[in-house]
Protein backbone atom coordinates (compact mmCIF):
# COMPACT_ATOMS: atom_id res chain seq x y z
CA MET A 1 -158.22 7.61 -24.81
CA LYS A 2 -157.05 3.42 -24.00
CA ILE A 3 -154.04 4.52 -25.96
CA LYS A 4 -153.59 8.11 -24.46
CA ARG A 5 -153.23 6.33 -21.18
CA TYR A 6 -151.13 3.47 -22.21
CA VAL A 7 -148.77 5.64 -23.75
CA ARG A 8 -148.79 7.69 -20.31
CA SER A 9 -148.09 4.84 -18.63
CA TYR A 10 -145.78 3.84 -20.51
CA LEU A 11 -143.45 7.23 -20.59
CA PHE A 12 -144.21 7.30 -16.74
CA PHE A 13 -142.52 3.98 -16.52
CA ALA A 14 -140.16 5.52 -18.63
CA VAL A 15 -139.37 7.77 -16.65
CA ILE A 16 -139.04 5.90 -13.59
CA ILE A 17 -136.52 3.57 -15.35
CA LEU A 18 -134.69 6.47 -16.66
CA LEU A 19 -134.49 7.65 -12.88
CA VAL A 20 -133.22 5.00 -11.96
CA ILE A 21 -130.86 4.18 -14.44
CA SER A 22 -129.77 7.90 -13.25
CA ILE A 23 -129.64 7.32 -9.94
CA GLY A 24 -127.84 3.80 -10.16
CA LEU A 25 -125.36 5.53 -12.51
CA SER A 26 -125.47 8.50 -10.49
CA VAL A 27 -124.34 5.79 -7.08
CA PHE A 28 -122.21 3.64 -9.25
CA ALA A 29 -120.58 6.75 -10.13
CA PHE A 30 -120.13 8.20 -6.40
CA VAL A 31 -118.98 4.84 -5.74
CA LYS A 32 -116.46 4.79 -8.10
CA ILE A 33 -115.29 8.32 -7.41
CA GLY A 34 -115.11 7.12 -3.38
CA ASN A 35 -112.81 4.36 -4.60
CA LYS A 36 -110.89 6.69 -6.86
CA ASN A 37 -110.60 9.24 -3.87
CA GLN A 38 -109.44 6.43 -1.51
CA GLU A 39 -106.95 5.57 -4.20
CA ILE A 40 -105.93 9.01 -4.52
CA ARG A 41 -105.64 9.70 -1.14
CA GLU A 42 -103.44 6.24 -0.25
CA LYS A 43 -101.67 7.18 -3.70
CA GLU A 44 -100.85 10.47 -1.25
CA THR A 45 -100.26 8.45 1.68
CA GLN A 46 -97.61 6.42 -0.36
CA LEU A 47 -96.00 9.55 -2.01
CA LYS A 48 -95.74 11.22 1.21
CA THR A 49 -93.85 7.97 2.91
CA THR A 50 -91.86 7.58 -0.04
CA SER A 51 -91.39 11.58 -0.08
CA GLU A 52 -90.04 11.45 3.72
CA PHE A 53 -88.37 8.40 2.99
CA LEU A 54 -86.24 10.02 0.15
CA ASP A 55 -85.65 13.14 2.52
CA LYS A 56 -84.56 10.68 5.42
CA THR A 57 -82.22 8.91 2.97
CA GLU A 58 -80.93 12.01 1.22
CA GLN A 59 -80.18 13.01 4.65
CA GLU A 60 -78.58 10.25 5.47
CA LEU A 61 -76.73 10.27 2.98
CA GLU A 62 -75.75 13.78 3.35
CA THR A 63 -74.39 12.62 6.79
CA GLU A 64 -72.98 9.62 5.42
CA LYS A 65 -71.13 12.07 2.75
CA ALA A 66 -70.18 14.50 5.28
CA GLU A 67 -68.37 11.61 7.14
CA LYS A 68 -66.91 10.34 4.53
CA ASP A 69 -65.50 14.11 3.91
CA ARG A 70 -64.72 14.16 8.03
CA LEU A 71 -62.64 11.13 7.38
CA SER A 72 -61.03 11.98 3.92
CA LYS A 73 -59.75 15.05 5.46
CA LYS A 74 -58.43 13.57 8.37
CA LEU A 75 -56.81 10.85 6.23
CA THR A 76 -55.40 13.49 4.31
CA GLN A 77 -53.58 14.93 7.60
CA ALA A 78 -52.47 11.30 8.65
CA GLU A 79 -51.25 10.77 5.38
CA LYS A 80 -49.59 14.31 5.55
CA GLU A 81 -48.29 14.01 9.38
CA ASN A 82 -46.84 10.38 8.22
CA LYS A 83 -45.34 11.82 5.20
CA ARG A 84 -43.47 14.36 7.52
CA LEU A 85 -42.59 11.64 9.71
CA GLN A 86 -41.29 10.04 7.45
CA ASN A 87 -39.25 13.01 6.44
CA GLU A 88 -38.21 13.91 9.80
CA ASN A 89 -36.98 10.10 10.73
CA LYS A 90 -35.14 10.66 7.19
CA ASN A 91 -33.45 13.52 8.66
CA TYR A 92 -32.81 11.88 11.91
CA LYS A 93 -31.71 8.79 10.41
CA LYS A 94 -29.36 10.84 8.37
CA GLU A 95 -27.96 13.17 11.36
CA ILE A 96 -27.24 9.87 12.60
CA GLU A 97 -25.37 8.55 10.22
CA LYS A 98 -23.38 11.80 9.92
CA LEU A 99 -22.60 11.78 13.57
CA SER A 100 -21.69 8.21 13.49
CA ALA A 101 -19.51 9.26 10.57
CA LYS A 102 -17.67 12.45 12.46
CA LYS A 103 -17.19 10.03 15.38
CA LYS A 104 -15.57 6.96 13.16
CA ALA A 105 -13.32 9.73 11.40
CA GLU A 106 -12.43 11.47 15.04
CA VAL A 107 -11.55 7.72 16.60
CA GLU A 108 -9.49 6.76 12.93
CA LYS A 109 -8.21 10.26 13.72
CA LEU A 110 -7.10 9.32 17.42
CA THR A 111 -6.23 5.95 16.27
CA ALA A 112 -3.98 7.65 13.61
CA LYS A 113 -2.42 9.74 16.27
CA GLN A 114 -1.67 6.59 18.06
CA ASN A 115 -0.26 4.67 15.58
CA SER A 116 1.96 7.19 14.30
CA PRO A 117 5.35 7.21 15.59
CA GLN A 118 6.51 10.59 13.90
CA SER A 119 7.05 13.42 16.20
CA LYS A 120 4.92 15.75 17.54
CA TYR A 121 7.29 18.53 17.29
CA PRO A 122 10.23 19.51 15.01
CA LYS A 123 13.91 19.18 16.35
CA PRO A 124 15.29 22.04 17.99
CA THR A 125 18.73 22.01 16.37
CA LYS A 126 19.32 23.24 13.13
CA THR A 127 18.40 20.32 11.08
CA CYS A 128 18.11 20.34 7.00
CA TYR A 129 16.09 17.33 5.35
CA LEU A 130 16.68 17.63 1.65
CA THR A 131 13.99 15.67 -0.59
CA PHE A 132 13.68 15.10 -4.26
CA ASP A 133 10.39 14.23 -5.46
CA ASP A 134 9.46 12.19 -9.16
CA GLY A 135 12.52 10.66 -9.79
CA PRO A 136 14.71 8.47 -10.00
CA SER A 137 15.23 10.48 -13.55
CA ASP A 138 18.95 10.90 -15.39
CA ASN A 139 19.95 14.22 -13.02
CA THR A 140 19.90 11.47 -10.27
CA LEU A 141 23.68 10.36 -10.31
CA LYS A 142 24.30 14.54 -10.30
CA ILE A 143 22.27 14.67 -7.09
CA LEU A 144 24.12 11.84 -5.63
CA LYS A 145 27.51 13.00 -6.86
CA ILE A 146 27.12 16.32 -5.48
CA LEU A 147 25.65 14.88 -1.99
CA ASP A 148 28.39 13.15 -1.80
CA LYS A 149 30.68 15.73 -2.13
CA TYR A 150 29.36 17.98 0.79
CA ASP A 151 28.77 14.85 3.12
CA ALA A 152 24.80 15.88 2.88
CA LYS A 153 22.07 13.25 2.94
CA ALA A 154 18.66 13.39 1.57
CA THR A 155 15.55 11.77 0.85
CA PHE A 156 14.41 10.80 -2.15
CA PHE A 157 10.60 10.20 -2.71
CA VAL A 158 10.44 7.78 -6.01
CA ILE A 159 7.60 7.21 -8.58
CA GLY A 160 7.60 3.96 -10.11
CA THR A 161 6.45 4.80 -13.99
CA ASN A 162 8.78 6.86 -16.38
CA SER A 163 11.51 6.58 -13.49
CA LYS A 164 14.76 4.90 -13.44
CA LEU A 165 14.21 2.35 -10.57
CA GLU A 166 17.67 0.95 -11.27
CA TYR A 167 19.14 3.73 -9.66
CA LEU A 168 17.43 3.12 -6.27
CA PRO A 169 20.00 0.81 -5.22
CA LYS A 170 22.58 3.36 -5.70
CA ILE A 171 20.55 5.49 -3.61
CA LYS A 172 20.41 3.52 -0.85
CA ALA A 173 23.80 2.48 -1.14
CA ALA A 174 24.76 6.27 -0.35
CA GLY A 175 22.54 6.67 2.87
CA HIS A 176 19.98 8.11 1.36
CA ALA A 177 16.22 7.45 2.69
CA ILE A 178 14.08 6.51 0.00
CA GLY A 179 10.21 7.59 0.22
CA LEU A 180 6.84 6.71 -1.67
CA HIS A 181 5.44 9.06 -3.67
CA SER A 182 3.05 7.03 -6.19
CA ASN A 183 3.14 4.96 -8.62
CA THR A 184 1.79 6.57 -11.21
CA HIS A 185 1.55 9.80 -10.41
CA ASP A 186 -1.92 10.54 -11.81
CA TYR A 187 -4.27 12.35 -9.84
CA SER A 188 -7.28 11.42 -11.36
CA LYS A 189 -6.54 7.60 -10.52
CA ILE A 190 -5.41 8.09 -6.90
CA TYR A 191 -7.51 10.66 -5.66
CA LYS A 192 -10.65 9.03 -6.90
CA SER A 193 -10.76 6.31 -3.93
CA ARG A 194 -8.94 4.78 -1.06
CA THR A 195 -8.87 1.77 -2.57
CA ASN A 196 -7.36 3.43 -5.90
CA PHE A 197 -4.56 4.90 -3.57
CA PHE A 198 -3.37 2.48 -2.00
CA LYS A 199 -3.72 0.04 -4.86
CA ASP A 200 -1.48 2.51 -6.39
CA ILE A 201 1.06 3.00 -3.36
CA ASN A 202 1.33 -0.94 -3.23
CA LYS A 203 2.65 -1.26 -6.59
CA LEU A 204 5.25 1.29 -6.01
CA SER A 205 6.40 -0.49 -2.80
CA ASP A 206 6.23 -4.33 -4.40
CA LYS A 207 9.05 -2.08 -6.77
CA ILE A 208 10.94 -0.34 -4.58
CA GLU A 209 11.34 -3.40 -2.38
CA LYS A 210 12.17 -5.43 -5.33
CA TYR A 211 15.41 -3.32 -6.31
CA THR A 212 16.80 -2.42 -2.37
CA GLY A 213 15.10 -5.70 -0.82
CA GLU A 214 13.24 -3.40 1.65
CA LYS A 215 9.96 -1.80 2.56
CA THR A 216 9.61 1.47 3.05
CA MET A 217 7.31 3.33 5.53
CA LEU A 218 7.96 6.80 4.35
CA LEU A 219 5.51 8.40 2.24
CA ARG A 220 4.43 11.86 0.49
CA PHE A 221 1.59 12.53 -1.45
CA PRO A 222 1.49 13.96 -5.00
CA GLY A 223 0.50 17.57 -4.33
CA GLY A 224 1.23 17.60 -0.55
CA SER A 225 -1.52 16.57 1.87
CA ASN A 226 -2.92 20.31 1.82
CA ASN A 227 -3.59 19.68 -2.23
CA THR A 228 -7.17 20.88 -3.67
CA VAL A 229 -7.14 19.32 -7.24
CA SER A 230 -7.79 15.91 -5.34
CA ARG A 231 -11.51 17.68 -4.83
CA LYS A 232 -12.19 17.22 -8.45
CA TYR A 233 -11.84 13.30 -7.87
CA LYS A 234 -13.54 12.75 -4.95
CA LYS A 235 -14.67 15.03 -1.62
CA GLY A 236 -13.04 14.76 1.38
CA ILE A 237 -10.14 12.01 -0.42
CA MET A 238 -7.39 13.72 1.83
CA THR A 239 -8.49 14.16 4.97
CA ASP A 240 -9.44 10.12 4.73
CA LEU A 241 -5.86 9.17 3.19
CA THR A 242 -3.93 11.38 6.03
CA THR A 243 -5.35 9.35 8.62
CA GLN A 244 -5.44 5.88 6.90
CA VAL A 245 -1.75 5.87 5.75
CA GLN A 246 -0.92 6.77 9.59
CA ILE A 247 -3.35 3.77 10.99
CA LYS A 248 -1.30 1.49 8.56
CA GLY A 249 1.59 2.67 9.88
CA TYR A 250 3.29 5.15 7.05
CA ALA A 251 4.91 8.26 7.97
CA TYR A 252 4.07 10.84 5.88
CA PHE A 253 5.49 14.33 4.79
CA ASP A 254 4.85 17.64 3.96
CA TRP A 255 7.57 20.67 3.71
CA ASN A 256 8.09 23.96 5.41
CA VAL A 257 10.61 25.05 2.18
CA ASP A 258 9.73 25.35 -1.57
CA SER A 259 12.49 25.80 -3.90
CA GLY A 260 10.34 26.82 -6.30
CA ASP A 261 11.59 24.25 -9.26
CA ALA A 262 8.06 23.09 -9.72
CA SER A 263 6.54 26.41 -11.23
CA GLY A 264 8.20 25.61 -14.34
CA ASN A 265 11.06 24.27 -16.14
CA ASN A 266 14.38 25.89 -16.25
CA VAL A 267 13.31 27.87 -13.55
CA PRO A 268 16.76 29.87 -13.01
CA ALA A 269 19.35 28.41 -10.29
CA SER A 270 19.73 31.86 -9.09
CA ARG A 271 15.69 31.61 -8.07
CA ILE A 272 15.89 28.32 -6.80
CA THR A 273 18.40 29.07 -4.15
CA LYS A 274 17.27 32.12 -3.22
CA ASN A 275 14.15 30.71 -2.53
CA VAL A 276 15.51 28.18 -0.50
CA LEU A 277 17.98 30.30 1.66
CA LYS A 278 15.13 32.80 2.31
CA GLN A 279 12.57 30.32 3.79
CA ALA A 280 15.37 29.12 5.65
CA LYS A 281 15.89 31.86 7.62
CA ASN A 282 14.97 31.85 11.11
CA LYS A 283 14.09 28.45 11.22
CA ASN A 284 15.50 25.40 13.33
CA SER A 285 14.12 22.91 11.38
CA ILE A 286 13.61 22.72 7.46
CA CYS A 287 12.00 20.18 5.13
CA VAL A 288 12.89 21.15 1.77
CA LEU A 289 11.09 20.32 -1.22
CA MET A 290 12.78 19.76 -5.01
CA HIS A 291 12.40 17.69 -7.68
CA ASP A 292 14.59 15.07 -9.24
CA THR A 293 13.12 15.19 -13.12
CA ALA A 294 15.14 15.08 -16.44
CA ALA A 295 13.76 18.25 -17.08
CA LYS A 296 15.09 20.15 -13.80
CA GLY A 297 18.35 20.89 -15.15
CA THR A 298 18.88 24.15 -12.98
CA THR A 299 17.73 22.10 -9.16
CA VAL A 300 20.68 20.28 -10.14
CA LYS A 301 22.98 23.45 -11.05
CA ALA A 302 21.67 25.32 -7.54
CA LEU A 303 22.19 22.55 -5.37
CA PRO A 304 25.80 23.26 -4.30
CA ASP A 305 24.59 26.80 -3.28
CA ILE A 306 22.02 25.54 -1.73
CA ILE A 307 23.82 23.45 0.46
CA GLU A 308 26.57 25.83 1.06
CA GLY A 309 24.08 28.41 2.16
CA LEU A 310 22.24 26.36 4.62
CA LYS A 311 25.68 25.48 6.05
CA LYS A 312 26.31 28.85 7.01
CA GLN A 313 22.95 28.86 8.53
CA GLY A 314 24.12 26.61 10.64
CA TYR A 315 22.10 23.41 8.98
CA LYS A 316 23.44 19.90 9.24
CA PHE A 317 21.77 17.39 6.71
CA GLU A 318 19.91 14.05 7.53
CA VAL A 319 17.45 11.91 6.01
CA LEU A 320 13.91 11.57 7.02
CA THR A 321 12.95 8.41 9.12
CA GLU A 322 9.68 6.97 10.49
CA GLU A 323 9.98 9.13 13.40
CA THR A 324 10.89 12.31 12.33
CA TYR A 325 8.20 15.45 12.27
CA GLY A 326 5.96 15.52 9.24
CA TYR A 327 5.65 19.27 8.62
CA HIS A 328 2.22 18.55 7.87
CA TYR A 329 -0.07 21.16 6.33
CA LYS A 330 -3.76 21.77 7.25
CA VAL A 331 -5.87 19.43 4.79
CA ASN A 332 -8.12 21.41 2.64
CA ASN A 333 -9.88 18.47 1.15
């Protein structure tokens, strides 16, 4: 009986202890869970705060990106506008340079006209200026003999290479005029630049002065002032040279009657004569283009008939001077 009571007491205490332990564990678990819930709530609050911060940061980044894009677009537009203005400025600069060059050319032309002693109009009387280019040659003395026979004066536009410059004193002594044609007659060189042209002309001028004791200011461009071959070597060179030679005091001459003897060698004398006489009709003042080279024998042969025919038309023969009308063509380059 005692034992039963003892066991029952033991069990009772055991149950009480287990209950206390169970209650303690439950309380501990409850407290633990509460703490965990508190931690979870704190974490959720932190996560919410972090999420809000991230959202705010993302919005700020998007705003910054939008602003950056706006500024980038504005910068691109500004760069385009700057480029446009630069191009516009370049165009204005080119236009100013163009206008400046045009104005300069106009001033030079005006200066050239003012400096030129040449008459603005041809003589109203029947006057003929016979001219011979590209000599002196083996035919020069024959030409001088014919001119002397008919008491006709002429002008010789000479070259400085492959020519007989030793005949220059005879030309001068006979009362004829001597003019500059070119030293080399090489279009590719003389029409490449203004410098080249005057370098060539100065060499020829020195040679003529050496033989005659005088400088000449009479000049004829190879191919004439209206030649277009020069365009192959420099665009606008003839426009420049026709102005510059006058500024420097030269008197340049073209022609208004072409004998046609440059169309080839051995052009029939009858054709050369016909060309000259036909073109001379109904004119008061003429400048006749002929050539004085070794290959122009038919020009020499035609000369007597040309002089006689022109005399019948009432022409008198004179030499070109610095004051003579230039018979200028319209410049094409």
